[in-house]
Each structure stands twice: as C-alpha cells, then as structure tokens.
C-alpha cells in the first residue's frame, strides 16, 4: 500500500508543503516504525518551513510531534514492541507522514485512558508547559505569572496547570472571544494585548508589584514590555517568537529594571535525557488523568491539508491545540 508524507523541497510560505509518496523503510538498530494516527501542529513547524530555524537538509518532512501504533522495531530496542500505543515530541523532525521511523528512546507509552489524538495534541505543548512551570521557574501557591497567547495551545495548558498549582494567572489574548476561552481554562485575568495599556493593566492587577515570572512566546512585539511587568528579581522566560525575532538586547536593561533573570529555554534541552523525557511526559499524563488539565483541541485538519493549517496558525485563526489527522 502506498504511503504519503508532506514534504518541503525549499523554504517559504505554506505552499511549499507538498503531499507526496513516501517510503519510510524498515527500522534500523535502535529505531521503531510508527504508523501515525494523529500529528500535532506547532509554531516551531512554521519556523522550520520558513527557514528561521533551518532544517539539516532539504527536501525534508517537517513536524515534531505525533502519536500512533508501533509496527516494527529494529535490533536492540527494549521496552517498545509492535502494537504499542506511543507518542513523541521533539527532534528529529519527520512527523508529517503516514508512517515514519524514529529513535525508539524518544517514544513514550500512552496510557489507555488517553486517546492517540489527544496524545498528539498534548505532548509537545504539554511538556513545554511542564518545563515552564517546574523547570524555568517553580510555580506554586503565591506565584503570580503572566502568560502571553493565553488562548493558544501552550497557553491553555499553562493556565490550567498553573491554577491547579495554586498560582494567580494573568494572560494576554487577541480578542474578547479568546479572553473568554482563556478564562474558562483557568486564567484569572485575561487582558487584550491589542490594548496599548496592557502593561498598565498587568501592573494594576498586581497592585503595581509586578509578576514573578513572564512566559513569552510572542517575541518581538512583547519582549520589552514584558520586562516592565516583572517585579524585582523576576524571571523572564522567552520561549518563542511568533511575532518575529527579538532584536539584540543590552543586558544592562535587566539590572535597570530590577536585577531581572532571563532565559531562552528549549524543550529539546529539558528532555534530552531519557529520564527527563519520561518525567515530563508522566507529569503531563498525570495532570490530565487527574483532571487538572483538559486538552483543548480547537481544530483538526487532514494531514494532506497541512498548508491550510499553517495558513490559519500564522493568521491567528486557531485556538487551543491543532491536530493533523492521518
């Protein structure tokens, strides 16, 4: 039976994503062959498509998150076998395919109570939320945080999880409809970022004390204003740049604004070791299974409609998680 994948031969707009025949081959030593049921769409896929984050070589199959059934394993693979329900998030890319091979040590078993569609929607964004809340800064009772794009895929998980941890959650959103979505997901104070005074709104909510930590995936449009929202010795977590790259920053600004901390983390670093990958995934599965976080799939597309999904994501037409169905 012929299999297909979404392949790009050059960088550019969504139209470079082409539906083509693809033969994944047999798994080599240490690898597993996966038959996808669902693939997660993430903004990093856009960065790979445009070349902002260059892929090792072209042509390439983008995508960093998927869930499905193991069809075969290569020599030396332990703990994974044919028939297992698995998911993954992170490098190497190649998720936009009906089938693929992948290093088996990057796979995690999906609990029976979680659908593979939900697994594909949650793993990259959910493990990102996990390192934001428990790695970059330890969020708990008494923490006040600001999350940009609070109605997005990572944002909806961060809002729910942070509230479950006892934090006060402030979030920026792009419309009143998204404000209601953020509020329904645990955001105590949704604020429209289209309001020129959103920094003042954040400071008003905090009694002009500022927040303990800002989680900023927007980048260029929000970075400097985000610093103004922090209390002295607060933590600025810049983990994306959907509005464009952040220009060079004079680090003395961190001292001027109150001895601030700044980090630019990556999920790949936080889950590079197998034990850390499992810790992140298991924490995520646990908080979903105990009801602390509900995965919000805002929209689905057929995998072969990946170009349309990219268009909508970049146009901010999506909300919550987006899944490409195989």
Foldseek 3Di string as FASTA:
>chain_A
DWWWFFKAQAADALVRTAIDTDDQDQAAAQKWKFQFQWAFDDVVQNCCRNVVPDDPHPRDGFGFKTWGFTCQYYPPDPPDGGGFTWMFGDDDGDRRIRMHMDRPLRIDGDDPVDDRQLRNQQQHLQLVLVCVCPNQDPAAAPFEEEEEQLQAANNLQNQLLNVVRRYAYEYEHADPVSQVSSVVSRHPHYDHPVPPCVLVVLCVVVVNQAGQEYEAAQAQVCVVSNLLRHHAQHEYEHAHHLNDHHPDDDVVVCVVSHVYHYDHDDSCVQPVDSVSSCVSVVVSSVCCVVPSHDQDAFEEAASSCVSVVSVCVSVVVTGHIYMHGD
